[in-house]
Amino acid sequence: MKKVIYCFSGTGNSLRTAKIIAKQIGETTIVSVREGATSDLAADADVIGFVCPVYEWDMPEPMKRFVERLSIHADAYVFMVATYVLIHGRCFESMDSILKKKGTRLHYGKPLRCVGSQCVAYEPFPTPRLMVERSDREAKKIGKEIASKKHRSYPRMAFLTRRLYNRMMMPFKQVQYDYDQGFYVSDRCKGCGLCQRLCPCKDITLSDGHPVWNHNCIGCNACVVYCPSKAIMFKTPEAYRILGETGNLTTRAVIRRLGLPENRTRYHNPYISDKDLCVPNETQKDSKAGFDAV
């Protein structure tokens, strides 16, 4: 039986989840979803999974574009797990809509609460000391359900969230192009180029050994949290500053929090290294093998 999980991950929560699920279902190839990536594994796979975080109450745009290009076996069992902090939004609906155009659907959909990792706005929460292990345990349960090919209806976007989406999320989507202009490097930068290799959106180029961001960022923050010298900093981009002056109360409150103080925790999943994120694909072979902290 051929099994594949497509995973988009910035700070490691989704990749950790994909690895745990892969261990449960056995002999599974995990494919890293990056801008411009392609894969033909789903064309004849029996089990196809998608694991990604929730960004702005939806699927990350690179994941959407990737799935839209994907050839999917119509008779496969298809599942999706979305890692999130507070609101999973319409991510499952977005995925199912794409799949239906390909003649299939989601057979299993489950949100998984993880540690929030937007270090340019807040400290990680809930506290990683408790939440990481809790998320791992829940991921293992999800993996067992998927291994048995359980069917689970995915949760829809809540009525209130749907009503608030245009008011709360659209203003940020409209200035997303300028988000990465908030990044800059301090003199601690060693020119190692890790940020460029990590970026799933291929947004970063190097100039004289230092990163330059090119308006294709979705705010995954991989470059920030994995920088070995903590050289990547963040200030409020100009478009966001203007939105903070002219937007509604909610957008203004969010934008006031933007910034990266020196003492801010730069959280990434403790079990996922920068090397893990840079691997294009890997196969988890033994479902009976042990797994860290699970």
C-alpha atoms as a PDB file:
ATOM      1  CA  MET A   1       0.000   0.000   0.000  1.00  0.00           C
ATOM      2  CA  LYS A   2       1.441   3.343  -1.078  1.00  0.00           C
ATOM      3  CA  LYS A   3       1.109   6.216   1.404  1.00  0.00           C
ATOM      4  CA  VAL A   4       2.227   9.836   1.155  1.00  0.00           C
ATOM      5  CA  ILE A   5       1.870  12.897   3.396  1.00  0.00           C
ATOM      6  CA  TYR A   6       2.362  16.375   1.959  1.00  0.00           C
ATOM      7  CA  CYS A   7       3.493  18.776   4.657  1.00  0.00           C
ATOM      8  CA  PHE A   8       3.978  22.538   4.732  1.00  0.00           C
ATOM      9  CA  SER A   9       5.820  23.664   7.854  1.00  0.00           C
ATOM     10  CA  GLY A  10       7.564  26.831   8.985  1.00  0.00           C
ATOM     11  CA  THR A  11       8.450  26.494  12.662  1.00  0.00           C
ATOM     12  CA  GLY A  12       8.144  22.724  12.783  1.00  0.00           C
ATOM     13  CA  ASN A  13       4.775  21.999  14.428  1.00  0.00           C
ATOM     14  CA  SER A  14       3.225  20.602  11.249  1.00  0.00           C
ATOM     15  CA  LEU A  15       6.292  18.553  10.317  1.00  0.00           C
ATOM     16  CA  ARG A  16       6.399  17.076  13.815  1.00  0.00           C
ATOM     17  CA  THR A  17       2.726  16.157  13.433  1.00  0.00           C
ATOM     18  CA  ALA A  18       3.308  14.599  10.014  1.00  0.00           C
ATOM     19  CA  LYS A  19       6.171  12.519  11.380  1.00  0.00           C
ATOM     20  CA  ILE A  20       4.071  11.177  14.253  1.00  0.00           C
ATOM     21  CA  ILE A  21       1.179  10.295  11.958  1.00  0.00           C
ATOM     22  CA  ALA A  22       3.570   8.640   9.497  1.00  0.00           C
ATOM     23  CA  LYS A  23       4.956   6.485  12.308  1.00  0.00           C
ATOM     24  CA  GLN A  24       1.439   5.325  13.165  1.00  0.00           C
ATOM     25  CA  ILE A  25       0.391   4.408   9.641  1.00  0.00           C
ATOM     26  CA  GLY A  26       3.803   3.018   8.628  1.00  0.00           C
ATOM     27  CA  GLU A  27       5.860   3.009   5.406  1.00  0.00           C
ATOM     28  CA  THR A  28       4.905   6.576   4.516  1.00  0.00           C
ATOM     29  CA  THR A  29       6.742   9.140   2.424  1.00  0.00           C
ATOM     30  CA  ILE A  30       6.622  12.698   3.790  1.00  0.00           C
ATOM     31  CA  VAL A  31       7.011  15.313   1.079  1.00  0.00           C
ATOM     32  CA  SER A  32       7.945  18.874   2.004  1.00  0.00           C
ATOM     33  CA  VAL A  33       5.686  21.402   0.262  1.00  0.00           C
ATOM     34  CA  ARG A  34       7.741  24.314  -0.985  1.00  0.00           C
ATOM     35  CA  GLU A  35       7.061  27.002  -3.588  1.00  0.00           C
ATOM     36  CA  GLY A  36       7.261  25.526  -7.068  1.00  0.00           C
ATOM     37  CA  ALA A  37       7.560  21.926  -5.838  1.00  0.00           C
ATOM     38  CA  THR A  38       5.883  19.087  -7.734  1.00  0.00           C
ATOM     39  CA  SER A  39       5.144  15.451  -6.925  1.00  0.00           C
ATOM     40  CA  ASP A  40       3.648  12.493  -8.765  1.00  0.00           C
ATOM     41  CA  LEU A  41       3.340  10.211  -5.709  1.00  0.00           C
ATOM     42  CA  ALA A  42      -0.364  10.972  -5.149  1.00  0.00           C
ATOM     43  CA  ALA A  43      -1.345   9.800  -8.639  1.00  0.00           C
ATOM     44  CA  ASP A  44      -1.372   6.162  -7.558  1.00  0.00           C
ATOM     45  CA  ALA A  45      -1.220   6.363  -3.751  1.00  0.00           C
ATOM     46  CA  ASP A  46      -3.737   4.529  -1.580  1.00  0.00           C
ATOM     47  CA  VAL A  47      -3.489   6.952   1.341  1.00  0.00           C
ATOM     48  CA  ILE A  48      -2.861  10.671   0.798  1.00  0.00           C
ATOM     49  CA  GLY A  49      -2.456  13.134   3.647  1.00  0.00           C
ATOM     50  CA  PHE A  50      -2.037  16.877   3.973  1.00  0.00           C
ATOM     51  CA  VAL A  51      -0.621  18.528   7.099  1.00  0.00           C
ATOM     52  CA  CYS A  52      -0.172  22.280   7.378  1.00  0.00           C
ATOM     53  CA  PRO A  53      -0.620  25.223   9.745  1.00  0.00           C
ATOM     54  CA  VAL A  54      -3.512  27.676   9.638  1.00  0.00           C
ATOM     55  CA  TYR A  55      -2.526  31.124   8.354  1.00  0.00           C
ATOM     56  CA  GLU A  56      -5.060  33.943   8.461  1.00  0.00           C
ATOM     57  CA  TRP A  57      -7.851  31.430   9.155  1.00  0.00           C
ATOM     58  CA  ASP A  58      -7.079  29.428   5.999  1.00  0.00           C
ATOM     59  CA  MET A  59      -4.557  27.125   4.318  1.00  0.00           C
ATOM     60  CA  PRO A  60      -1.166  28.645   3.463  1.00  0.00           C
ATOM     61  CA  GLU A  61      -1.208  29.876  -0.125  1.00  0.00           C
ATOM     62  CA  PRO A  62       1.785  27.718  -1.201  1.00  0.00           C
ATOM     63  CA  MET A  63      -0.121  24.643   0.001  1.00  0.00           C
ATOM     64  CA  LYS A  64      -3.193  25.667  -2.016  1.00  0.00           C
ATOM     65  CA  ARG A  65      -1.146  26.147  -5.180  1.00  0.00           C
ATOM     66  CA  PHE A  66       0.650  22.847  -4.632  1.00  0.00           C
ATOM     67  CA  VAL A  67      -2.582  20.843  -4.216  1.00  0.00           C
ATOM     68  CA  GLU A  68      -4.121  22.540  -7.250  1.00  0.00           C
ATOM     69  CA  ARG A  69      -1.215  21.195  -9.369  1.00  0.00           C
ATOM     70  CA  LEU A  70      -1.351  17.719  -7.842  1.00  0.00           C
ATOM     71  CA  SER A  71      -2.666  14.627  -9.624  1.00  0.00           C
ATOM     72  CA  ILE A  72      -4.634  12.619  -7.059  1.00  0.00           C
ATOM     73  CA  HIS A  73      -5.777   9.001  -7.186  1.00  0.00           C
ATOM     74  CA  ALA A  74      -9.576   9.259  -7.126  1.00  0.00           C
ATOM     75  CA  ASP A  75     -10.010   6.104  -4.986  1.00  0.00           C
ATOM     76  CA  ALA A  76      -7.456   7.056  -2.334  1.00  0.00           C
ATOM     77  CA  TYR A  77      -8.268   7.652   1.322  1.00  0.00           C
ATOM     78  CA  VAL A  78      -7.549  11.363   1.833  1.00  0.00           C
ATOM     79  CA  PHE A  79      -6.984  13.097   5.172  1.00  0.00           C
ATOM     80  CA  MET A  80      -5.981  16.525   6.414  1.00  0.00           C
ATOM     81  CA  VAL A  81      -4.648  17.714   9.769  1.00  0.00           C
ATOM     82  CA  ALA A  82      -4.351  21.455  10.392  1.00  0.00           C
ATOM     83  CA  THR A  83      -2.156  22.743  13.205  1.00  0.00           C
ATOM     84  CA  TYR A  84      -3.534  25.898  14.805  1.00  0.00           C
ATOM     85  CA  VAL A  85      -3.633  27.990  17.984  1.00  0.00           C
ATOM     86  CA  LEU A  86      -7.117  29.484  18.376  1.00  0.00           C
ATOM     87  CA  ILE A  87      -9.101  29.461  15.095  1.00  0.00           C
ATOM     88  CA  HIS A  88      -8.865  26.867  12.305  1.00  0.00           C
ATOM     89  CA  GLY A  89     -11.105  28.960  10.047  1.00  0.00           C
ATOM     90  CA  ARG A  90     -11.916  27.667   6.584  1.00  0.00           C
ATOM     91  CA  CYS A  91      -8.790  25.618   5.899  1.00  0.00           C
ATOM     92  CA  PHE A  92     -10.655  22.299   5.599  1.00  0.00           C
ATOM     93  CA  GLU A  93     -13.301  23.822   3.359  1.00  0.00           C
ATOM     94  CA  SER A  94     -10.588  25.255   1.106  1.00  0.00           C
ATOM     95  CA  MET A  95      -8.875  21.876   0.829  1.00  0.00           C
ATOM     96  CA  ASP A  96     -12.105  19.976   0.184  1.00  0.00           C
ATOM     97  CA  SER A  97     -13.115  22.463  -2.504  1.00  0.00           C
ATOM     98  CA  ILE A  98      -9.845  21.852  -4.385  1.00  0.00           C
ATOM     99  CA  LEU A  99     -10.161  18.078  -3.992  1.00  0.00           C
ATOM    100  CA  LYS A 100     -13.732  17.985  -5.311  1.00  0.00           C
ATOM    101  CA  LYS A 101     -12.543  19.585  -8.537  1.00  0.00           C
ATOM    102  CA  LYS A 102     -10.213  16.606  -8.854  1.00  0.00           C
ATOM    103  CA  GLY A 103     -12.973  14.062  -8.351  1.00  0.00           C
ATOM    104  CA  THR A 104     -12.287  13.202  -4.715  1.00  0.00           C
ATOM    105  CA  ARG A 105     -12.854  14.639  -1.228  1.00  0.00           C
ATOM    106  CA  LEU A 106     -11.583  14.717   2.343  1.00  0.00           C
ATOM    107  CA  HIS A 107     -12.436  11.506   4.158  1.00  0.00           C
ATOM    108  CA  TYR A 108     -10.906  12.683   7.427  1.00  0.00           C
ATOM    109  CA  GLY A 109     -10.268  16.197   8.753  1.00  0.00           C
ATOM    110  CA  LYS A 110      -9.004  17.152  12.198  1.00  0.00           C
ATOM    111  CA  PRO A 111      -7.543  20.360  13.664  1.00  0.00           C
ATOM    112  CA  LEU A 112      -4.669  19.967  16.120  1.00  0.00           C
ATOM    113  CA  ARG A 113      -3.932  22.675  18.658  1.00  0.00           C
ATOM    114  CA  CYS A 114      -0.221  23.507  18.898  1.00  0.00           C
ATOM    115  CA  VAL A 115       2.040  26.201  20.291  1.00  0.00           C
ATOM    116  CA  GLY A 116       1.572  29.566  18.602  1.00  0.00           C
ATOM    117  CA  SER A 117       4.858  30.632  17.034  1.00  0.00           C
ATOM    118  CA  GLN A 118       4.347  34.171  15.713  1.00  0.00           C
ATOM    119  CA  CYS A 119       7.360  35.542  17.530  1.00  0.00           C
ATOM    120  CA  VAL A 120       7.121  38.876  15.695  1.00  0.00           C
ATOM    121  CA  ALA A 121       3.894  39.567  17.611  1.00  0.00           C
ATOM    122  CA  TYR A 122       3.877  37.603  20.870  1.00  0.00           C
ATOM    123  CA  GLU A 123       5.532  35.063  23.149  1.00  0.00           C
ATOM    124  CA  PRO A 124       4.776  31.420  22.312  1.00  0.00           C
ATOM    125  CA  PHE A 125       1.509  30.199  23.806  1.00  0.00           C
ATOM    126  CA  PRO A 126       0.137  28.027  25.281  1.00  0.00           C
ATOM    127  CA  THR A 127       3.343  27.366  27.205  1.00  0.00           C
ATOM    128  CA  PRO A 128       5.531  24.975  25.165  1.00  0.00           C
ATOM    129  CA  ARG A 129       6.528  23.075  28.305  1.00  0.00           C
ATOM    130  CA  LEU A 130       2.992  21.670  28.492  1.00  0.00           C
ATOM    131  CA  MET A 131       1.573  22.087  24.993  1.00  0.00           C
ATOM    132  CA  VAL A 132       4.239  20.300  22.950  1.00  0.00           C
ATOM    133  CA  GLU A 133       3.741  16.975  24.703  1.00  0.00           C
ATOM    134  CA  ARG A 134      -0.034  17.380  24.658  1.00  0.00           C
ATOM    135  CA  SER A 135       0.022  18.020  20.897  1.00  0.00           C
ATOM    136  CA  ASP A 136       2.228  14.956  20.383  1.00  0.00           C
ATOM    137  CA  ARG A 137      -0.168  12.724  22.286  1.00  0.00           C
ATOM    138  CA  GLU A 138      -3.124  14.010  20.284  1.00  0.00           C
ATOM    139  CA  ALA A 139      -1.213  13.550  17.012  1.00  0.00           C
ATOM    140  CA  LYS A 140      -0.570   9.945  17.939  1.00  0.00           C
ATOM    141  CA  LYS A 141      -4.312   9.390  18.495  1.00  0.00           C
ATOM    142  CA  ILE A 142      -5.054  11.015  15.148  1.00  0.00           C
ATOM    143  CA  GLY A 143      -2.473   8.762  13.513  1.00  0.00           C
ATOM    144  CA  LYS A 144      -4.154   5.663  14.902  1.00  0.00           C
ATOM    145  CA  GLU A 145      -7.528   6.796  13.530  1.00  0.00           C
ATOM    146  CA  ILE A 146      -5.986   7.437  10.119  1.00  0.00           C
ATOM    147  CA  ALA A 147      -4.254   4.047  10.213  1.00  0.00           C
ATOM    148  CA  SER A 148      -7.697   2.446  10.562  1.00  0.00           C
ATOM    149  CA  LYS A 149      -9.007   4.659   7.730  1.00  0.00           C
ATOM    150  CA  LYS A 150     -11.623   6.166   9.962  1.00  0.00           C
ATOM    151  CA  HIS A 151     -13.947   8.648   8.297  1.00  0.00           C
ATOM    152  CA  ARG A 152     -14.338  11.940  10.174  1.00  0.00           C
ATOM    153  CA  SER A 153     -16.252  14.954   8.891  1.00  0.00           C
ATOM    154  CA  TYR A 154     -14.074  18.034   9.006  1.00  0.00           C
ATOM    155  CA  PRO A 155     -15.107  21.057  11.105  1.00  0.00           C
ATOM    156  CA  ARG A 156     -16.533  23.976   9.144  1.00  0.00           C
ATOM    157  CA  MET A 157     -15.723  27.607   9.723  1.00  0.00           C
ATOM    158  CA  ALA A 158     -17.749  28.847  12.703  1.00  0.00           C
ATOM    159  CA  PHE A 159     -20.625  31.234  12.010  1.00  0.00           C
ATOM    160  CA  LEU A 160     -19.021  34.145  13.913  1.00  0.00           C
ATOM    161  CA  THR A 161     -15.617  33.548  12.346  1.00  0.00           C
ATOM    162  CA  ARG A 162     -17.194  33.575   8.892  1.00  0.00           C
ATOM    163  CA  ARG A 163     -18.916  36.866   9.665  1.00  0.00           C
ATOM    164  CA  LEU A 164     -15.666  38.408  10.901  1.00  0.00           C
ATOM    165  CA  TYR A 165     -13.353  37.085   8.193  1.00  0.00           C
ATOM    166  CA  ASN A 166     -13.531  40.043   5.807  1.00  0.00           C
ATOM    167  CA  ARG A 167     -13.210  42.535   8.626  1.00  0.00           C
ATOM    168  CA  MET A 168     -10.339  40.863  10.468  1.00  0.00           C
ATOM    169  CA  MET A 169      -8.330  38.942   7.861  1.00  0.00           C
ATOM    170  CA  MET A 170      -8.750  40.752   4.536  1.00  0.00           C
ATOM    171  CA  PRO A 171      -6.954  43.938   5.658  1.00  0.00           C
ATOM    172  CA  PHE A 172      -3.867  41.862   6.402  1.00  0.00           C
ATOM    173  CA  LYS A 173      -4.110  39.881   3.164  1.00  0.00           C
ATOM    174  CA  GLN A 174      -4.165  43.162   1.252  1.00  0.00           C
ATOM    175  CA  VAL A 175      -0.812  44.254   2.712  1.00  0.00           C
ATOM    176  CA  GLN A 176       0.778  40.775   2.829  1.00  0.00           C
ATOM    177  CA  TYR A 177       3.166  41.716   0.001  1.00  0.00           C
ATOM    178  CA  ASP A 178       4.899  44.146   2.351  1.00  0.00           C
ATOM    179  CA  TYR A 179       5.205  41.841   5.367  1.00  0.00           C
ATOM    180  CA  ASP A 180       8.755  40.742   4.684  1.00  0.00           C
ATOM    181  CA  GLN A 181       9.953  44.332   4.443  1.00  0.00           C
ATOM    182  CA  GLY A 182       9.850  44.309   8.234  1.00  0.00           C
ATOM    183  CA  PHE A 183      12.787  41.891   8.356  1.00  0.00           C
ATOM    184  CA  TYR A 184      16.349  43.089   8.647  1.00  0.00           C
ATOM    185  CA  VAL A 185      19.606  41.662   9.948  1.00  0.00           C
ATOM    186  CA  SER A 186      21.821  42.847  12.771  1.00  0.00           C
ATOM    187  CA  ASP A 187      25.609  42.725  12.763  1.00  0.00           C
ATOM    188  CA  ARG A 188      25.340  39.253  14.314  1.00  0.00           C
ATOM    189  CA  CYS A 189      24.624  37.813  10.831  1.00  0.00           C
ATOM    190  CA  LYS A 190      27.359  35.313   9.881  1.00  0.00           C
ATOM    191  CA  GLY A 191      26.292  34.930   6.253  1.00  0.00           C
ATOM    192  CA  CYS A 192      25.602  31.207   6.681  1.00  0.00           C
ATOM    193  CA  GLY A 193      22.676  31.248   4.212  1.00  0.00           C
ATOM    194  CA  LEU A 194      20.486  28.982   6.357  1.00  0.00           C
ATOM    195  CA  CYS A 195      17.548  31.375   6.068  1.00  0.00           C
ATOM    196  CA  GLN A 196      17.619  31.092   2.271  1.00  0.00           C
ATOM    197  CA  ARG A 197      17.701  27.282   2.391  1.00  0.00           C
ATOM    198  CA  LEU A 198      14.856  27.128   4.905  1.00  0.00           C
ATOM    199  CA  CYS A 199      12.404  29.510   3.246  1.00  0.00           C
ATOM    200  CA  PRO A 200       9.495  27.434   1.834  1.00  0.00           C
ATOM    201  CA  CYS A 201       8.415  30.354  -0.353  1.00  0.00           C
ATOM    202  CA  LYS A 202      11.820  30.912  -2.000  1.00  0.00           C
ATOM    203  CA  ASP A 203      11.515  34.510  -0.877  1.00  0.00           C
ATOM    204  CA  ILE A 204      15.088  34.993   0.297  1.00  0.00           C
ATOM    205  CA  THR A 205      18.133  35.729  -1.835  1.00  0.00           C
ATOM    206  CA  LEU A 206      21.614  36.604  -0.601  1.00  0.00           C
ATOM    207  CA  SER A 207      23.493  39.820  -1.264  1.00  0.00           C
ATOM    208  CA  ASP A 208      27.085  39.918   0.008  1.00  0.00           C
ATOM    209  CA  GLY A 209      26.175  36.920   2.141  1.00  0.00           C
ATOM    210  CA  HIS A 210      23.222  38.597   3.830  1.00  0.00           C
ATOM    211  CA  PRO A 211      19.507  37.862   3.288  1.00  0.00           C
ATOM    212  CA  VAL A 212      17.252  39.992   1.120  1.00  0.00           C
ATOM    213  CA  TRP A 213      13.480  39.439   1.190  1.00  0.00           C
ATOM    214  CA  ASN A 214      11.593  39.712  -2.095  1.00  0.00           C
ATOM    215  CA  HIS A 215       7.867  40.235  -1.403  1.00  0.00           C
ATOM    216  CA  ASN A 216       6.869  36.567  -1.509  1.00  0.00           C
ATOM    217  CA  CYS A 217       6.632  35.935   2.236  1.00  0.00           C
ATOM    218  CA  ILE A 218       3.637  34.439   4.061  1.00  0.00           C
ATOM    219  CA  GLY A 219       5.001  34.943   7.559  1.00  0.00           C
ATOM    220  CA  CYS A 220       6.016  31.394   8.492  1.00  0.00           C
ATOM    221  CA  ASN A 221       8.999  32.849  10.444  1.00  0.00           C
ATOM    222  CA  ALA A 222      11.272  29.863   9.779  1.00  0.00           C
ATOM    223  CA  CYS A 223      14.108  32.246   8.924  1.00  0.00           C
ATOM    224  CA  VAL A 224      13.712  34.066  12.237  1.00  0.00           C
ATOM    225  CA  VAL A 225      13.373  31.188  14.670  1.00  0.00           C
ATOM    226  CA  TYR A 226      16.091  28.972  13.194  1.00  0.00           C
ATOM    227  CA  CYS A 227      18.711  31.696  12.696  1.00  0.00           C
ATOM    228  CA  PRO A 228      21.667  30.348  14.730  1.00  0.00           C
ATOM    229  CA  SER A 229      22.888  33.802  15.724  1.00  0.00           C
ATOM    230  CA  LYS A 230      19.434  35.412  16.207  1.00  0.00           C
ATOM    231  CA  ALA A 231      20.476  38.025  13.680  1.00  0.00           C
ATOM    232  CA  ILE A 232      17.124  38.395  11.902  1.00  0.00           C
ATOM    233  CA  MET A 233      15.040  41.159  13.441  1.00  0.00           C
ATOM    234  CA  PHE A 234      11.620  42.611  12.668  1.00  0.00           C
ATOM    235  CA  LYS A 235      10.051  46.052  12.677  1.00  0.00           C
ATOM    236  CA  THR A 236       6.572  47.137  11.554  1.00  0.00           C
ATOM    237  CA  PRO A 237       6.534  47.370   7.718  1.00  0.00           C
ATOM    238  CA  GLU A 238       5.361  50.649   6.186  1.00  0.00           C
ATOM    239  CA  ALA A 239       2.121  49.213   4.724  1.00  0.00           C
ATOM    240  CA  TYR A 240       1.251  47.760   8.120  1.00  0.00           C
ATOM    241  CA  ARG A 241       2.080  51.025   9.864  1.00  0.00           C
ATOM    242  CA  ILE A 242      -0.382  52.832   7.587  1.00  0.00           C
ATOM    243  CA  LEU A 243      -2.997  50.136   8.198  1.00  0.00           C
ATOM    244  CA  GLY A 244      -2.447  50.602  11.924  1.00  0.00           C
ATOM    245  CA  GLU A 245      -3.354  54.260  11.528  1.00  0.00           C
ATOM    246  CA  THR A 246      -6.325  53.856   9.193  1.00  0.00           C
ATOM    247  CA  GLY A 247      -7.705  50.369   9.883  1.00  0.00           C
ATOM    248  CA  ASN A 248     -10.407  49.193  12.252  1.00  0.00           C
ATOM    249  CA  LEU A 249      -9.872  48.705  15.991  1.00  0.00           C
ATOM    250  CA  THR A 250      -8.948  45.047  15.592  1.00  0.00           C
ATOM    251  CA  THR A 251      -6.256  45.592  12.975  1.00  0.00           C
ATOM    252  CA  ARG A 252      -4.836  48.483  14.931  1.00  0.00           C
ATOM    253  CA  ALA A 253      -4.619  46.353  18.082  1.00  0.00           C
ATOM    254  CA  VAL A 254      -2.794  43.568  16.230  1.00  0.00           C
ATOM    255  CA  ILE A 255      -0.344  45.899  14.494  1.00  0.00           C
ATOM    256  CA  ARG A 256       0.572  47.586  17.768  1.00  0.00           C
ATOM    257  CA  ARG A 257       2.006  44.239  18.871  1.00  0.00           C
ATOM    258  CA  LEU A 258       4.341  43.825  15.891  1.00  0.00           C
ATOM    259  CA  GLY A 259       8.040  43.840  16.634  1.00  0.00           C
ATOM    260  CA  LEU A 260      10.762  41.531  17.884  1.00  0.00           C
ATOM    261  CA  PRO A 261      12.349  42.558  21.197  1.00  0.00           C
ATOM    262  CA  GLU A 262      15.739  41.046  21.969  1.00  0.00           C
ATOM    263  CA  ASN A 263      14.294  39.039  24.854  1.00  0.00           C
ATOM    264  CA  ARG A 264      11.380  37.559  22.845  1.00  0.00           C
ATOM    265  CA  THR A 265      11.391  33.749  22.715  1.00  0.00           C
ATOM    266  CA  ARG A 266      11.950  32.500  19.160  1.00  0.00           C
ATOM    267  CA  TYR A 267       9.983  29.284  19.390  1.00  0.00           C
ATOM    268  CA  HIS A 268      10.257  26.380  17.009  1.00  0.00           C
ATOM    269  CA  ASN A 269       9.186  22.809  17.674  1.00  0.00           C
ATOM    270  CA  PRO A 270      11.936  21.332  19.855  1.00  0.00           C
ATOM    271  CA  TYR A 271      11.937  18.022  17.960  1.00  0.00           C
ATOM    272  CA  ILE A 272      12.340  19.559  14.494  1.00  0.00           C
ATOM    273  CA  SER A 273      15.735  20.864  13.391  1.00  0.00           C
ATOM    274  CA  ASP A 274      16.590  23.136  10.496  1.00  0.00           C
ATOM    275  CA  LYS A 275      18.013  20.046   8.754  1.00  0.00           C
ATOM    276  CA  ASP A 276      14.620  18.315   9.049  1.00  0.00           C
ATOM    277  CA  LEU A 277      12.906  21.228   7.318  1.00  0.00           C
ATOM    278  CA  CYS A 278      15.430  21.263   4.489  1.00  0.00           C
ATOM    279  CA  VAL A 279      14.877  17.603   3.545  1.00  0.00           C
ATOM    280  CA  PRO A 280      12.672  17.475   0.394  1.00  0.00           C
ATOM    281  CA  ASN A 281      11.152  14.111   1.311  1.00  0.00           C
ATOM    282  CA  GLU A 282      11.727  11.202   3.662  1.00  0.00           C
ATOM    283  CA  THR A 283      10.161   7.821   4.353  1.00  0.00           C
ATOM    284  CA  GLN A 284       8.973   6.758   7.802  1.00  0.00           C
ATOM    285  CA  LYS A 285       9.153   2.981   7.577  1.00  0.00           C
ATOM    286  CA  ASP A 286       8.429   1.284  10.884  1.00  0.00           C
ATOM    287  CA  SER A 287       5.065   2.013  12.512  1.00  0.00           C
ATOM    288  CA  LYS A 288       6.180   0.040  15.593  1.00  0.00           C
ATOM    289  CA  ALA A 289       9.332   2.046  16.139  1.00  0.00           C
ATOM    290  CA  GLY A 290       9.590   4.375  19.085  1.00  0.00           C
ATOM    291  CA  PHE A 291       9.212   8.129  18.723  1.00  0.00           C
ATOM    292  CA  ASP A 292      10.576  10.950  20.854  1.00  0.00           C
ATOM    293  CA  ALA A 293       8.205  12.058  23.612  1.00  0.00           C
ATOM    294  CA  VAL A 294       5.230  10.123  22.289  1.00  0.00           C
END
